[in-house]
Protein backbone atom coordinates (compact mmCIF):
# COMPACT_ATOMS: atom_id res chain seq x y z
CA UNK A 1 36.89 6.94 95.87
CA UNK A 2 39.60 5.50 97.88
CA UNK A 3 41.76 2.75 96.47
CA UNK A 4 41.80 -0.46 98.50
CA UNK A 5 45.16 -1.04 100.63
CA UNK A 6 44.35 -4.96 99.33
CA UNK A 7 47.07 -7.10 97.88
CA UNK A 8 48.37 -6.43 94.24
CA UNK A 9 48.72 -9.17 91.51
CA UNK A 10 51.67 -10.70 92.05
CA UNK A 11 53.53 -12.01 88.69
CA UNK A 12 51.34 -12.79 85.86
CA UNK A 13 48.50 -15.28 85.68
CA UNK A 14 47.13 -17.64 82.97
CA UNK A 15 43.52 -16.37 82.54
CA UNK A 16 42.57 -19.68 81.27
CA UNK A 17 42.97 -21.51 84.19
CA UNK A 18 40.61 -21.87 86.81
CA UNK A 19 42.61 -21.57 90.47
CA UNK A 20 40.05 -24.44 91.83
CA UNK A 21 40.32 -26.84 88.67
CA UNK A 22 42.48 -26.35 85.63
CA UNK A 23 40.15 -27.98 83.39
CA UNK A 24 37.60 -26.14 82.01
CA UNK A 25 34.08 -27.83 82.05
CA UNK A 26 32.91 -29.38 78.98
CA UNK A 27 30.68 -26.49 77.58
CA UNK A 28 33.09 -23.95 78.70
CA UNK A 29 35.89 -25.83 76.72
CA UNK A 30 33.47 -25.88 73.40
CA UNK A 31 32.91 -22.01 73.90
CA UNK A 32 36.50 -21.34 74.58
CA UNK A 33 37.33 -23.48 71.54
CA UNK A 34 35.43 -21.39 69.74
CA UNK A 35 37.04 -18.09 70.88
CA UNK A 36 40.47 -18.94 70.84
CA UNK A 37 40.63 -21.17 67.60
CA UNK A 38 43.61 -20.00 65.15
CA UNK A 39 45.00 -17.82 67.76
CA UNK A 40 42.36 -15.57 67.96
CA UNK A 41 42.99 -12.40 69.57
CA UNK A 42 40.47 -9.03 70.19
CA UNK A 43 40.05 -8.81 66.30
CA UNK A 44 39.40 -12.49 65.78
CA UNK A 45 36.83 -12.55 68.49
CA UNK A 46 34.82 -8.82 66.61
CA UNK A 47 35.05 -10.97 63.52
CA UNK A 48 33.47 -14.18 65.58
CA UNK A 49 30.68 -11.90 66.94
CA UNK A 50 29.62 -10.47 63.38
CA UNK A 51 29.83 -14.15 61.76
CA UNK A 52 26.90 -15.01 63.98
CA UNK A 53 24.73 -12.50 61.93
CA UNK A 54 23.69 -10.66 64.87
CA UNK A 55 24.54 -7.02 64.79
CA UNK A 56 26.70 -5.48 68.21
CA UNK A 57 24.05 -4.41 70.20
CA UNK A 58 21.57 -7.13 69.38
CA UNK A 59 19.00 -7.86 72.34
CA UNK A 60 18.15 -11.24 74.01
CA UNK A 61 20.07 -14.25 73.92
CA UNK A 62 23.28 -14.75 71.40
CA UNK A 63 24.11 -18.39 72.57
CA UNK A 64 22.30 -20.94 74.79
CA UNK A 65 23.57 -24.02 75.64
CA UNK A 66 21.48 -26.91 77.60
CA UNK A 67 18.52 -26.05 79.89
CA UNK A 68 18.21 -22.24 80.15
CA UNK A 69 15.25 -20.60 81.01
CA UNK A 70 13.60 -17.28 81.29
CA UNK A 71 11.01 -16.80 83.79
CA UNK A 72 10.49 -20.84 83.26
CA UNK A 73 9.91 -20.88 80.02
CA UNK A 74 12.72 -22.40 77.85
CA UNK A 75 14.98 -20.22 76.03
CA UNK A 76 16.32 -19.77 72.58
CA UNK A 77 18.47 -17.80 70.62
CA UNK A 78 17.02 -14.68 70.07
CA UNK A 79 14.91 -14.69 73.15
CA UNK A 80 14.94 -11.48 74.79
CA UNK A 81 15.64 -10.72 78.27
CA UNK A 82 14.02 -8.14 80.29
CA UNK A 83 14.32 -5.94 83.57
CA UNK A 84 11.68 -7.60 85.98
CA UNK A 85 12.83 -11.27 84.63
CA UNK A 86 14.72 -13.86 85.80
CA UNK A 87 17.47 -16.19 83.85
CA UNK A 88 18.57 -19.59 85.11
CA UNK A 89 20.73 -22.44 83.59
CA UNK A 90 20.65 -26.37 84.36
CA UNK A 91 23.58 -28.43 85.02
CA UNK A 92 26.08 -28.10 82.10
CA UNK A 93 23.93 -25.29 80.67
CA UNK A 94 25.67 -21.94 79.78
CA UNK A 95 23.74 -18.93 78.43
CA UNK A 96 25.35 -15.64 76.53
CA UNK A 97 23.02 -12.57 76.06
CA UNK A 98 22.40 -8.80 76.26
CA UNK A 99 20.16 -6.44 77.85
CA UNK A 100 20.76 -2.67 76.54
CA UNK A 101 24.19 -1.92 76.91
CA UNK A 102 25.22 -4.69 79.03
CA UNK A 103 26.19 -8.40 78.41
CA UNK A 104 26.40 -11.31 80.43
CA UNK A 105 28.08 -14.82 80.31
CA UNK A 106 26.05 -17.12 82.87
CA UNK A 107 27.63 -20.47 83.86
CA UNK A 108 25.67 -24.03 84.44
CA UNK A 109 23.37 -23.98 88.04
CA UNK A 110 22.77 -20.28 87.90
CA UNK A 111 19.99 -18.19 88.91
CA UNK A 112 19.79 -14.25 88.28
CA UNK A 113 17.21 -11.71 88.41
CA UNK A 114 17.54 -8.55 86.59
CA UNK A 115 15.54 -5.20 87.58
CA UNK A 116 15.20 -1.85 86.03
CA UNK A 117 12.89 -1.05 83.20
CA UNK A 118 12.54 -2.60 80.13
CA UNK A 119 15.99 -2.87 78.92
CA UNK A 120 17.88 -0.68 81.21
CA UNK A 121 18.82 -2.21 84.24
CA UNK A 122 19.60 -0.74 87.62
CA UNK A 123 20.70 -3.79 89.41
CA UNK A 124 21.19 -7.52 89.22
CA UNK A 125 20.89 -10.34 91.77
CA UNK A 126 22.67 -13.52 91.49
CA UNK A 127 20.92 -15.93 93.60
CA UNK A 128 23.28 -18.65 93.14
CA UNK A 129 25.95 -19.76 90.26
CA UNK A 130 28.25 -17.85 87.86
CA UNK A 131 28.06 -15.11 86.15
CA UNK A 132 30.39 -12.94 83.88
CA UNK A 133 28.99 -9.03 83.16
CA UNK A 134 30.27 -6.05 81.40
CA UNK A 135 28.37 -2.74 82.11
CA UNK A 136 28.21 0.37 79.76
CA UNK A 137 29.85 3.49 81.32
CA UNK A 138 27.84 5.94 83.01
CA UNK A 139 24.85 5.46 85.36
CA UNK A 140 25.74 3.13 88.11
CA UNK A 141 24.23 0.10 88.85
CA UNK A 142 23.96 -2.48 91.84
CA UNK A 143 24.89 -6.32 92.09
CA UNK A 144 23.45 -8.10 94.95
CA UNK A 145 24.23 -12.07 96.05
CA UNK A 146 22.99 -13.45 99.50
CA UNK A 147 26.20 -12.54 101.18
CA UNK A 148 27.24 -9.23 99.40
CA UNK A 149 25.96 -6.21 98.09
CA UNK A 150 28.37 -4.35 95.30
CA UNK A 151 28.00 -0.81 93.41
CA UNK A 152 29.56 -0.62 90.27
CA UNK A 153 29.85 2.04 87.25
CA UNK A 154 31.22 1.21 83.69
CA UNK A 155 32.78 -2.20 84.75
CA UNK A 156 33.51 -5.93 84.02
CA UNK A 157 32.81 -7.80 86.80
CA UNK A 158 32.62 -11.90 87.57
CA UNK A 159 30.57 -13.38 90.29
CA UNK A 160 30.32 -16.64 91.97
CA UNK A 161 27.30 -16.81 94.45
CA UNK A 162 26.92 -18.90 97.39
CA UNK A 163 24.83 -18.98 100.55
CA UNK A 164 27.09 -17.43 102.57
CA UNK A 165 30.12 -16.34 100.77
CA UNK A 166 30.46 -14.18 97.42
CA UNK A 167 33.44 -14.28 94.98
CA UNK A 168 34.14 -11.16 93.55
CA UNK A 169 36.27 -10.05 90.42
CA UNK A 170 36.59 -6.16 89.72
CA UNK A 171 37.91 -7.26 86.10
CA UNK A 172 38.33 -3.56 85.35
CA UNK A 173 36.50 -0.47 86.35
CA UNK A 174 35.69 0.62 90.14
CA UNK A 175 33.78 -0.90 92.88
CA UNK A 176 32.14 -0.23 96.35
CA UNK A 177 31.71 -3.83 98.13
CA UNK A 178 30.01 -4.14 101.38
CA UNK A 179 28.54 -7.33 103.06
CA UNK A 180 24.54 -7.49 103.31
CA UNK A 181 25.02 -6.52 107.10
CA UNK A 182 26.84 -3.50 105.88
CA UNK A 183 29.62 -4.25 108.57
CA UNK A 184 32.33 -4.77 106.29
CA UNK A 185 32.98 -2.39 103.32
CA UNK A 186 35.58 -1.34 100.67
CA UNK A 187 35.64 0.74 97.76
CA UNK A 188 38.74 0.64 94.68
CA UNK A 189 39.60 0.60 91.06
CA UNK A 190 41.53 -2.12 88.89
CA UNK A 191 42.35 -2.48 85.28
CA UNK A 192 43.20 -6.23 84.67
CA UNK A 193 41.72 -8.36 87.72
CA UNK A 194 44.39 -6.84 90.05
CA UNK A 195 42.17 -7.93 93.11
CA UNK A 196 39.51 -10.45 93.72
CA UNK A 197 37.80 -10.76 96.81
CA UNK A 198 35.61 -13.24 98.92
CA UNK A 199 33.24 -11.65 100.88
CA UNK A 200 31.24 -13.49 103.75
CA UNK A 201 28.12 -12.98 105.45
CA UNK A 202 28.83 -14.95 108.79
CA UNK A 203 29.92 -12.07 110.61
CA UNK A 204 33.52 -13.38 110.63
CA UNK A 205 36.27 -10.70 111.88
CA UNK A 206 37.59 -10.50 108.67
CA UNK A 207 34.39 -10.73 106.09
CA UNK A 208 36.05 -9.12 102.73
CA UNK A 209 39.52 -10.83 102.15
CA UNK A 210 42.08 -11.41 99.25
CA UNK A 211 41.03 -14.22 96.56
CA UNK A 212 42.97 -15.23 93.20
CA UNK A 213 41.90 -15.10 89.85
CA UNK A 214 39.25 -17.84 88.90
CA UNK A 215 36.95 -19.29 86.33
CA UNK A 216 36.74 -16.49 83.80
CA UNK A 217 39.11 -14.95 81.06
CA UNK A 218 40.35 -12.34 78.82
CA UNK A 219 38.87 -13.40 75.89
CA UNK A 220 35.38 -13.79 77.17
CA UNK A 221 35.44 -10.31 78.62
CA UNK A 222 36.50 -9.09 75.02
CA UNK A 223 33.69 -11.23 73.47
CA UNK A 224 31.16 -9.65 75.78
CA UNK A 225 32.02 -6.25 74.95
CA UNK A 226 32.04 -6.79 71.38
CA UNK A 227 28.50 -8.23 71.71
CA UNK A 228 27.53 -4.42 72.79
CA UNK A 229 30.15 -2.46 70.15
CA UNK A 230 32.47 -2.24 72.45
CA UNK A 231 35.92 -3.37 73.92
CA UNK A 232 37.45 -3.72 77.40
CA UNK A 233 39.58 -0.19 78.43
CA UNK A 234 42.70 0.62 76.52
CA UNK A 235 45.35 -0.75 79.69
CA UNK A 236 43.39 -4.04 79.70
CA UNK A 237 43.59 -4.67 76.13
CA UNK A 238 47.52 -3.82 76.16
CA UNK A 239 48.20 -6.35 78.99
CA UNK A 240 48.90 -10.06 77.83
CA UNK A 241 46.37 -11.98 76.89
CA UNK A 242 47.18 -15.63 77.38
CA UNK A 243 45.11 -18.80 76.22
């Protein structure tokens, strides 16, 4: 796999700050307070997960806030999500859940469809909204949006899907990205959010362009990995984590 010639990270960033709006949304602010209170680091986040009385690897929804639905039916903590189902979140809602060996944090006003066999996913289609995901190493998976097709393997990844533009941050791992028309492609690896991308579907001359780190945090990634009994790669854990 060739490494992208795209720009590398310039200086440090604060992974708690959105480049679009430095103030987290109310439900997200509450979640971040739960995660980072009293200076929680990786060990603290693991203790937080254990305190939910849900062993690592427990399937289904771990946190639900607001209107969250699975195939149109209202979801609650413990509701299972399987391949072949769709999860949607309403305004101000949030859902955190596990499917097989993969974990997800879905923000408000989002819809994602999951394909595969039972709890073994092979692809995720984010039709609209925002989705943070961590995937087990091994079998490759595909992430689809209205404007992009992304092949991944053992990664942490953040997506925002609009009709004609996708924001994609490969938080760590490897990916091959392409526009839906296949007229622009890139393949690269990262260890700590080095190369976010915008992917456009309007056939502009440069359809894949650099972006800034936005709307997701190291704390959230560590938390998601803890739900499936893992930690991010050591290189990621050695990087400064600032709240």
